[in-house]
Each structure stands twice: as structure tokens, then as C-alpha cells.
């Protein structure tokens, strides 16, 4: 079913939909562990939920494609990730509610540690504190100069992540390759324009990077800036406009709030723990139709390669399932945006388990919520782009197609 047809079929009612998204949920078995992180975790509540739901597997983008967080989230919300490409910089900027304009080219900064030969030895600079991040951003913004008519803004996000904004009236386009090679033991990549219209912008990026190496040379950890996700700002139709859903985002990490903000969701600020998120869900439950409940730490622990810590996060999420089900949502969907196996320490192409709990779900034979059990589910294996239409259908929010 094409996206525009789904939009045309949407009807309004009073049903409520909750998306519980464990970022980087999918995993792989590791030697001596006894299975994937989900298989090893003790998840009695998720398993009980799976037993009365319809389950299956999701391909975030397409089989074999490893997704970034942006496109995988766009797919979750029913936006074609190929038609709606977006740079990570825009997502980070939106996450901190930075006022973007058409004069801006934006990128995400990963502060990193490099040696004297400028070889990356830590892509995350030891996950420096957010306070350190703020200090370093101020330092860069104060000392960088790219020339008359071009302004540089460097704003902290969280831990080692920040936003670079190059602002000017005569900048070219922002189609520029990442300078982050995504692996340690390599040098940062030189910035390269992906089309002729971006050549003039690349010249400013090169100046920024050379100056930043000098400015950060005395930093013990964050002595380099790796750049990802260059883009200009664009406007997207909101979830309210497309699906007639009054939506609330419950997330602790700025980038995911940024995705939600770009799609017109209301954002709850000041959340730090799962308890905070549950309290926010309860407090605002009566006022919204659609709830995006995001858990970041499953992904972080996977990227750290810490299998046991990821298991612990999954078990913590399992413990809040009764608090969610007590609200009796008309549709509860549990899944992730992509897989981040601790074995790989990175995003991967592997499918994700998914369950849909609804009075109108055709309950299957799955008894446990994990990657292998869900291969037997009634949903089969589908692309994430179809999840929103299934959510709307189970909430009785889609009319019949055709006569």
C-alpha cells in the first residue's frame, strides 16, 4: 500500500496507540552467553504480552541494509526512508530545539580522541560528560573563523555529540560526505562534495576541521571533531496532518526528540530515567492519541559491546510493561528501530522482533519475545514502513480501500 493511500484512508476516533521502541533492540548470540541479548534476558512481562499478541520480524529499511537512526525512525512513523532522507545534523539540531533557517548547513559532531598522527583511538572521546561537551563547544565557537559573511555555531547535544551549523547567505548545498570513518584505527576522512553545488560549502568545512584540530590540540580526550550527516533544513508533513494523530514523544535523548519535533509531535523535556518516562506517559495519557516511548540505553550498551549491560536494560524495560498495559491502550507495539548487537558494537542489518497487542490482533503461537521466537509469528517478515498502517488498522483508524 503506498503512503498517500494510507493517508487518504485515515479516520479519526478515540483510540490510543503506544509505540514502545527499544533503540538497537536486536542482537546476536555471543560465545558463552547462551543466545542473543533478548533471549538471555529475563522478560516475563514481554513474554506474556507476546503470548497474547501477533508477532513477527521487521526489516528496518530493506533486507541486508544497515540503517541509521534517522531513516529507521522515519520508517517506524510511516515515512518512506528513501523519499525522506535527512542528515543526522538536522536531527540533532531539532533535538535541542535549535532554530534552523534556509541559510544553514548542519552536521553532527562526534568529539573523538586522535593520536599525534591523527589516527582515531576513540570515536566517542571516552563519552565525555555533557558539561565538558558544553565547554568545548564554547571554545570552538569562540575561536573558529571562516571568513566574512559566514558564521559558525557549535552547540552541545549530549556526552560527546554536538551540532555544527555553518550559516551564510551564499553557501552552496549541503550534500557532503561524512568525515567519520565509523571505525577506530583510521584517520578522519577528508570532506568531499557529493555534487558540484556543494563544492563551495566543502571549502568552509575544510577550514573548520583544520582550525578545530589546532584549537582542540590541548584537550586530553576530545581533541578532534568527526562530522556526520550534513544537510539543509526541510519541512515534513506532520503525523497530525497525515494520520490525524495527536502525538506525544517521550524520550530522553535529544536526537530522538528531534525526529519527533520534525514530525510535529509534542515533546516532553527534562526526562532522564525510565521512571520519568512512565510518569510522563501516565500524566499525559488522556490528552494524546499516539505515544512514542523511546528507550536509548539498549542501543548505547550494544554500541559499547557490553552484552550483559544490554541484557540488564532489556530487563529494566520488561519491569515497566505492567505500568504500560495498565493504561489499556487500544494498540501497543513493542519493537526497535534497528539492531545493535553487542557482538558488532554497531548498528546492523538484522531483523527486529515486533509484537502488536490489540483486541483485534490475530494471536499467533509465539510464547516468547525474542528474535528467533518471532520468526514463527503471524506477521511474518515485513518492512518497518508498514508498521504505522498496521497500528492504524488495529486502532480501527483506517477506512476500507475501494468499493
Protein backbone atom coordinates (compact mmCIF):
# COMPACT_ATOMS: atom_id res chain seq x y z
CA UNK A 1 0.00 0.00 0.00
CA UNK A 2 1.50 3.36 -0.96
CA UNK A 3 1.92 6.09 1.62
CA UNK A 4 -0.53 8.55 0.07
CA UNK A 5 -3.30 5.92 0.00
CA UNK A 6 -2.81 5.27 3.69
CA UNK A 7 -3.18 8.98 4.37
CA UNK A 8 -6.42 9.10 2.42
CA UNK A 9 -7.90 6.16 4.34
CA UNK A 10 -7.31 7.57 7.82
CA UNK A 11 -10.35 8.20 10.02
CA UNK A 12 -10.49 9.77 13.47
CA UNK A 13 -11.67 8.07 16.65
CA UNK A 14 -10.76 7.99 20.34
CA UNK A 15 -8.38 5.03 20.27
CA UNK A 16 -4.87 5.24 21.71
CA UNK A 17 -1.65 3.80 20.25
CA UNK A 18 1.62 3.31 22.13
CA UNK A 19 4.92 2.63 20.38
CA UNK A 20 7.46 1.21 22.84
CA UNK A 21 10.74 1.49 20.94
CA UNK A 22 13.86 -0.07 22.43
CA UNK A 23 16.61 1.50 20.37
CA UNK A 24 19.05 -1.03 18.92
CA UNK A 25 16.93 -3.88 20.27
CA UNK A 26 18.05 -6.72 18.01
CA UNK A 27 21.16 -8.70 18.89
CA UNK A 28 23.33 -11.69 18.09
CA UNK A 29 24.46 -14.67 20.19
CA UNK A 30 27.89 -14.31 21.80
CA UNK A 31 30.13 -17.16 22.87
CA UNK A 32 29.32 -18.37 26.36
CA UNK A 33 26.20 -16.20 26.69
CA UNK A 34 23.52 -18.67 25.62
CA UNK A 35 21.76 -16.64 22.95
CA UNK A 36 21.03 -13.07 21.91
CA UNK A 37 20.61 -10.34 24.49
CA UNK A 38 16.82 -10.72 24.26
CA UNK A 39 16.99 -14.49 24.61
CA UNK A 40 19.21 -14.29 27.68
CA UNK A 41 17.24 -11.50 29.39
CA UNK A 42 14.55 -12.49 31.87
CA UNK A 43 11.44 -10.90 30.33
CA UNK A 44 8.32 -12.47 31.88
CA UNK A 45 6.12 -9.46 31.08
CA UNK A 46 7.22 -9.13 27.46
CA UNK A 47 6.83 -12.89 27.00
CA UNK A 48 3.32 -12.80 28.46
CA UNK A 49 2.48 -9.91 26.16
CA UNK A 50 3.84 -11.77 23.13
CA UNK A 51 1.69 -14.77 24.03
CA UNK A 52 -1.50 -12.72 23.57
CA UNK A 53 -0.31 -10.66 20.58
CA UNK A 54 0.56 -11.09 16.94
CA UNK A 55 4.33 -11.16 16.39
CA UNK A 56 6.82 -11.08 13.56
CA UNK A 57 10.04 -9.59 12.24
CA UNK A 58 10.82 -6.16 10.80
CA UNK A 59 13.35 -5.15 8.17
CA UNK A 60 14.04 -1.51 9.14
CA UNK A 61 14.81 -0.43 5.57
CA UNK A 62 15.29 -3.47 3.31
CA UNK A 63 16.96 -6.87 3.68
CA UNK A 64 20.69 -6.55 4.20
CA UNK A 65 20.64 -2.76 4.63
CA UNK A 66 22.13 -1.39 7.85
CA UNK A 67 20.11 1.71 8.79
CA UNK A 68 20.98 4.88 10.59
CA UNK A 69 18.69 6.05 13.36
CA UNK A 70 17.08 8.72 11.17
CA UNK A 71 15.80 6.55 8.32
CA UNK A 72 14.82 3.70 10.64
CA UNK A 73 12.72 6.07 12.74
CA UNK A 74 11.14 7.68 9.71
CA UNK A 75 10.07 4.19 8.62
CA UNK A 76 8.61 3.48 12.08
CA UNK A 77 6.38 6.52 11.73
CA UNK A 78 5.22 5.64 8.20
CA UNK A 79 7.53 7.93 6.22
CA UNK A 80 9.37 6.32 3.32
CA UNK A 81 13.06 6.36 4.36
CA UNK A 82 14.21 6.58 0.74
CA UNK A 83 11.99 9.52 -0.15
CA UNK A 84 12.55 11.29 3.17
CA UNK A 85 16.31 11.24 3.59
CA UNK A 86 17.62 13.50 6.31
CA UNK A 87 21.04 14.33 7.66
CA UNK A 88 21.90 13.44 11.23
CA UNK A 89 22.89 17.05 11.85
CA UNK A 90 19.34 18.25 11.26
CA UNK A 91 18.02 15.64 13.69
CA UNK A 92 20.47 16.68 16.38
CA UNK A 93 19.69 20.36 15.86
CA UNK A 94 15.97 19.73 16.06
CA UNK A 95 16.57 17.64 19.18
CA UNK A 96 17.98 20.63 21.06
CA UNK A 97 15.33 22.89 19.50
CA UNK A 98 17.91 24.94 17.64
CA UNK A 99 16.23 27.49 15.33
CA UNK A 100 17.33 26.44 11.85
CA UNK A 101 16.97 28.51 8.69
CA UNK A 102 17.48 28.08 4.97
CA UNK A 103 20.88 29.80 5.38
CA UNK A 104 22.26 26.88 7.39
CA UNK A 105 24.27 23.80 6.50
CA UNK A 106 24.24 21.49 9.50
CA UNK A 107 26.27 18.48 10.61
CA UNK A 108 26.53 16.36 13.71
CA UNK A 109 29.84 16.41 15.57
CA UNK A 110 31.23 13.37 17.31
CA UNK A 111 34.09 14.50 19.51
CA UNK A 112 36.85 11.92 19.30
CA UNK A 113 40.35 11.18 20.55
CA UNK A 114 43.16 11.02 17.99
CA UNK A 115 46.90 10.39 18.44
CA UNK A 116 49.74 12.56 17.16
CA UNK A 117 49.35 11.05 13.68
CA UNK A 118 45.65 11.96 13.76
CA UNK A 119 44.60 8.32 13.91
CA UNK A 120 41.35 7.82 15.78
CA UNK A 121 41.80 5.84 19.01
CA UNK A 122 38.35 6.56 20.49
CA UNK A 123 35.43 7.67 18.30
CA UNK A 124 33.47 8.87 21.35
CA UNK A 125 36.22 10.62 23.31
CA UNK A 126 35.56 8.41 26.32
CA UNK A 127 31.93 9.57 26.31
CA UNK A 128 32.93 12.88 27.89
CA UNK A 129 30.40 14.50 30.17
CA UNK A 130 27.81 16.88 28.79
CA UNK A 131 29.43 19.66 30.84
CA UNK A 132 32.76 19.02 29.12
CA UNK A 133 30.95 18.99 25.80
CA UNK A 134 29.46 22.41 26.53
CA UNK A 135 32.86 23.86 27.42
CA UNK A 136 34.46 22.51 24.26
CA UNK A 137 31.65 23.80 22.04
CA UNK A 138 32.07 27.27 23.54
CA UNK A 139 35.82 27.06 22.95
CA UNK A 140 35.38 26.14 19.28
CA UNK A 141 32.67 28.70 18.63
CA UNK A 142 34.82 31.45 20.16
CA UNK A 143 37.97 30.72 18.14
CA UNK A 144 36.77 29.40 14.75
CA UNK A 145 36.71 31.96 11.93
CA UNK A 146 35.70 31.01 8.39
CA UNK A 147 35.73 34.46 6.88
CA UNK A 148 33.47 37.43 6.37
CA UNK A 149 29.78 36.66 5.88
CA UNK A 150 29.98 33.13 7.30
CA UNK A 151 29.01 32.38 10.89
CA UNK A 152 29.93 29.21 12.81
CA UNK A 153 27.70 27.92 15.60
CA UNK A 154 28.72 24.91 17.70
CA UNK A 155 26.08 23.68 20.14
CA UNK A 156 26.28 20.80 22.63
CA UNK A 157 23.86 17.89 22.45
CA UNK A 158 24.86 15.24 24.99
CA UNK A 159 28.04 13.49 26.08
CA UNK A 160 30.37 13.51 23.02
CA UNK A 161 27.79 14.69 20.47
CA UNK A 162 27.29 18.24 19.25
CA UNK A 163 25.88 20.22 16.33
CA UNK A 164 27.84 22.26 13.80
CA UNK A 165 25.95 25.00 11.95
CA UNK A 166 27.67 26.90 9.14
CA UNK A 167 25.48 29.90 8.34
CA UNK A 168 25.73 32.26 5.40
CA UNK A 169 23.78 33.81 2.54
CA UNK A 170 25.97 32.40 -0.21
CA UNK A 171 26.69 28.85 0.93
CA UNK A 172 26.32 26.03 -1.55
CA UNK A 173 24.31 22.89 -0.91
CA UNK A 174 24.97 20.52 1.99
CA UNK A 175 25.49 17.23 0.16
CA UNK A 176 28.83 16.39 1.75
CA UNK A 177 30.30 13.00 2.68
CA UNK A 178 30.91 12.20 6.35
CA UNK A 179 34.39 12.68 7.76
CA UNK A 180 33.76 10.00 10.39
CA UNK A 181 35.15 6.66 9.08
CA UNK A 182 33.00 4.85 11.69
CA UNK A 183 35.97 2.80 12.87
CA UNK A 184 38.90 3.37 15.18
CA UNK A 185 42.44 2.89 13.91
CA UNK A 186 41.76 5.09 10.88
CA UNK A 187 42.29 8.75 10.13
CA UNK A 188 39.30 11.09 9.75
CA UNK A 189 38.14 11.23 6.15
CA UNK A 190 38.57 14.43 4.15
CA UNK A 191 35.26 16.20 3.46
CA UNK A 192 34.09 15.71 -0.10
CA UNK A 193 31.24 17.31 -2.03
CA UNK A 194 28.75 14.81 -3.41
CA UNK A 195 27.69 17.19 -6.18
CA UNK A 196 29.05 20.38 -7.77
CA UNK A 197 26.55 22.55 -5.88
CA UNK A 198 28.22 21.61 -2.58
CA UNK A 199 31.83 22.40 -3.54
CA UNK A 200 31.79 25.90 -2.05
CA UNK A 201 30.43 24.57 1.25
CA UNK A 202 33.17 21.94 1.45
CA UNK A 203 35.79 24.70 1.41
CA UNK A 204 34.33 26.08 4.64
CA UNK A 205 34.15 22.60 6.19
CA UNK A 206 37.85 22.05 5.46
CA UNK A 207 38.69 25.33 7.19
CA UNK A 208 36.59 24.35 10.18
CA UNK A 209 38.29 20.98 10.55
CA UNK A 210 41.85 22.32 10.24
CA UNK A 211 41.17 25.07 12.76
CA UNK A 212 39.42 22.68 15.13
CA UNK A 213 42.46 20.36 15.25
CA UNK A 214 44.58 23.30 16.41
CA UNK A 215 42.02 24.65 18.86
CA UNK A 216 41.44 21.23 20.46
CA UNK A 217 45.08 20.11 20.47
CA UNK A 218 45.41 20.60 24.24
CA UNK A 219 42.30 18.57 25.08
CA UNK A 220 43.12 15.21 26.72
CA UNK A 221 40.13 13.38 25.20
CA UNK A 222 38.06 15.48 22.78
CA UNK A 223 40.89 16.62 20.52
CA UNK A 224 39.13 16.04 17.19
CA UNK A 225 35.74 16.65 15.61
CA UNK A 226 34.26 13.98 13.34
CA UNK A 227 31.41 15.23 11.15
CA UNK A 228 28.36 13.27 10.02
CA UNK A 229 25.00 13.85 8.40
CA UNK A 230 25.42 17.14 6.53
CA UNK A 231 22.13 18.63 5.35
CA UNK A 232 19.95 21.67 4.90
CA UNK A 233 16.65 22.04 6.69
CA UNK A 234 13.36 20.98 5.07
CA UNK A 235 9.75 20.80 6.28
CA UNK A 236 7.89 17.47 6.61
CA UNK A 237 4.12 16.90 6.81
CA UNK A 238 3.26 16.16 10.43
CA UNK A 239 1.80 12.97 11.87
CA UNK A 240 -1.27 15.05 12.75
CA UNK A 241 -1.67 16.13 9.12
CA UNK A 242 -1.08 12.67 7.69
CA UNK A 243 -2.65 10.32 10.22
CA UNK A 244 -4.91 12.55 12.35
CA UNK A 245 -2.98 11.56 15.46
CA UNK A 246 -2.30 13.98 18.30
CA UNK A 247 1.16 12.71 19.21
CA UNK A 248 3.44 12.85 22.21
CA UNK A 249 7.14 11.97 22.26
CA UNK A 250 8.53 10.54 25.50
CA UNK A 251 12.29 10.33 25.01
CA UNK A 252 15.40 11.22 26.98
CA UNK A 253 17.90 11.73 24.17
CA UNK A 254 17.93 14.91 22.04
CA UNK A 255 18.20 13.34 18.59
CA UNK A 256 15.04 11.29 19.04
CA UNK A 257 13.20 14.32 20.33
CA UNK A 258 14.48 16.00 17.17
CA UNK A 259 12.91 13.38 14.92
CA UNK A 260 9.65 13.73 16.81
CA UNK A 261 9.77 17.53 16.63
CA UNK A 262 10.33 17.45 12.86
CA UNK A 263 7.18 15.33 12.52
CA UNK A 264 5.07 17.62 14.67
CA UNK A 265 4.93 15.69 17.93
CA UNK A 266 4.72 17.40 21.30
CA UNK A 267 7.96 16.95 23.25
CA UNK A 268 8.28 16.32 26.98
CA UNK A 269 11.50 17.85 28.32
CA UNK A 270 13.50 17.02 31.42
CA UNK A 271 13.17 13.24 31.34
CA UNK A 272 16.14 11.18 32.48
CA UNK A 273 15.03 7.74 33.63
CA UNK A 274 12.52 5.05 32.73
CA UNK A 275 10.53 6.10 35.79
CA UNK A 276 10.41 9.66 34.46
CA UNK A 277 9.14 8.34 31.14
CA UNK A 278 6.44 6.19 32.72
CA UNK A 279 5.34 9.10 34.92
CA UNK A 280 5.10 11.31 31.82
CA UNK A 281 3.06 8.67 29.98
CA UNK A 282 0.58 8.43 32.87
CA UNK A 283 0.36 12.19 33.32
CA UNK A 284 -0.35 12.97 29.68
CA UNK A 285 -2.18 9.83 28.64
CA UNK A 286 -5.65 11.38 28.49
CA UNK A 287 -4.51 14.25 26.23
CA UNK A 288 -2.99 12.40 23.24
CA UNK A 289 -3.76 9.63 20.73
CA UNK A 290 -0.27 8.41 19.84
CA UNK A 291 2.67 7.91 22.19
CA UNK A 292 6.25 7.42 21.06
CA UNK A 293 8.03 5.94 24.10
CA UNK A 294 11.76 5.67 23.37
CA UNK A 295 14.44 3.78 25.32
CA UNK A 296 18.01 4.72 24.35
CA UNK A 297 20.21 2.57 26.59
CA UNK A 298 19.65 -0.70 24.72
CA UNK A 299 21.45 0.90 21.79
CA UNK A 300 24.19 2.53 23.87
CA UNK A 301 25.11 -0.70 25.63
CA UNK A 302 25.13 -2.54 22.30
CA UNK A 303 27.50 0.06 20.84
CA UNK A 304 29.71 -0.36 23.91
CA UNK A 305 29.90 -4.09 23.19
CA UNK A 306 28.57 -4.74 26.70
CA UNK A 307 26.30 -7.77 26.29
CA UNK A 308 25.44 -8.08 29.98
CA UNK A 309 24.60 -4.40 30.35
CA UNK A 310 22.26 -4.57 27.35
CA UNK A 311 20.56 -7.60 28.92
CA UNK A 312 20.07 -5.58 32.11
CA UNK A 313 18.47 -2.68 30.22
CA UNK A 314 16.06 -5.07 28.50
CA UNK A 315 15.11 -6.50 31.90
CA UNK A 316 14.53 -2.98 33.24
CA UNK A 317 12.20 -2.25 30.33
CA UNK A 318 10.39 -5.53 30.98
CA UNK A 319 9.70 -4.37 34.53
CA UNK A 320 7.71 -1.34 33.30
CA UNK A 321 5.45 -3.32 30.95
CA UNK A 322 2.68 -3.71 33.60
CA UNK A 323 2.61 0.07 34.09
CA UNK A 324 2.02 0.48 30.35
CA UNK A 325 -0.58 -2.27 29.98
CA UNK A 326 -2.50 -0.94 32.99
CA UNK A 327 -3.37 2.06 30.82
CA UNK A 328 -5.19 -0.38 28.48
CA UNK A 329 -4.05 1.16 25.19
CA UNK A 330 -6.07 0.07 22.16
CA UNK A 331 -2.80 -0.78 20.40
CA UNK A 332 0.57 -1.45 22.00
CA UNK A 333 3.51 -2.10 19.69
CA UNK A 334 6.89 -3.20 21.04
CA UNK A 335 9.94 -3.27 18.80
CA UNK A 336 13.14 -1.36 17.99
CA UNK A 337 14.36 0.95 15.26
CA UNK A 338 17.30 -1.25 14.27
CA UNK A 339 19.59 -3.93 15.67
CA UNK A 340 22.74 -3.07 17.61
CA UNK A 341 24.32 -6.39 18.61
CA UNK A 342 26.95 -6.13 21.34
CA UNK A 343 28.93 -8.60 19.24
CA UNK A 344 29.30 -5.99 16.48
CA UNK A 345 29.37 -2.82 18.64
CA UNK A 346 27.40 -1.07 15.89
CA UNK A 347 24.11 -0.93 14.02
CA UNK A 348 23.46 -3.97 11.85
CA UNK A 349 21.17 -5.19 9.08
CA UNK A 350 19.49 -7.89 11.18
CA UNK A 351 15.72 -8.05 11.53
CA UNK A 352 13.89 -6.92 14.66
CA UNK A 353 11.24 -8.73 16.69
CA UNK A 354 7.91 -6.94 16.87
CA UNK A 355 4.63 -7.54 18.65
CA UNK A 356 1.24 -5.89 18.19
CA UNK A 357 -1.14 -6.14 21.14
CA UNK A 358 -4.75 -5.25 20.30
CA UNK A 359 -8.24 -6.69 20.81
CA UNK A 360 -8.27 -7.11 17.02
CA UNK A 361 -4.90 -8.85 16.68
CA UNK A 362 -4.94 -12.38 15.28
CA UNK A 363 -2.99 -14.02 18.12
CA UNK A 364 -0.34 -16.50 16.95
CA UNK A 365 1.67 -19.28 18.61
CA UNK A 366 4.64 -17.18 19.77
CA UNK A 367 5.31 -17.64 23.50
CA UNK A 368 8.48 -15.56 23.95
CA UNK A 369 9.55 -12.15 22.73
CA UNK A 370 12.90 -12.60 21.00
CA UNK A 371 14.41 -12.67 17.52
CA UNK A 372 14.06 -16.41 16.93
CA UNK A 373 10.65 -16.94 18.54
CA UNK A 374 9.15 -14.13 16.50
CA UNK A 375 10.19 -15.83 13.25
CA UNK A 376 7.12 -18.03 13.87
CA UNK A 377 4.78 -15.06 14.26
CA UNK A 378 1.67 -14.34 12.25
CA UNK A 379 3.01 -11.06 10.86
CA UNK A 380 5.84 -12.86 9.09
CA UNK A 381 8.70 -10.68 7.92
CA UNK A 382 7.72 -7.20 6.76
CA UNK A 383 9.33 -3.82 6.17
CA UNK A 384 9.06 -1.33 9.02
CA UNK A 385 7.39 1.19 6.69
CA UNK A 386 4.19 -0.90 7.00
CA UNK A 387 4.09 -0.78 10.80
CA UNK A 388 2.17 2.51 11.00
CA UNK A 389 -0.60 1.22 8.71
CA UNK A 390 -0.89 -1.89 10.91
CA UNK A 391 -1.05 0.30 14.02
CA UNK A 392 -3.80 2.42 12.49
CA UNK A 393 -5.71 -0.64 11.30
CA UNK A 394 -5.63 -2.31 14.73
CA UNK A 395 -6.84 1.01 16.20
CA UNK A 396 -9.74 1.00 13.68
CA UNK A 397 -8.37 4.20 12.18
CA UNK A 398 -8.26 3.08 8.52
CA UNK A 399 -11.31 3.01 6.28
CA UNK A 400 -11.88 0.37 3.60
CA UNK A 401 -9.96 0.88 0.37
CA UNK A 402 -12.13 0.91 -2.73
CA UNK A 403 -15.74 -0.05 -3.36
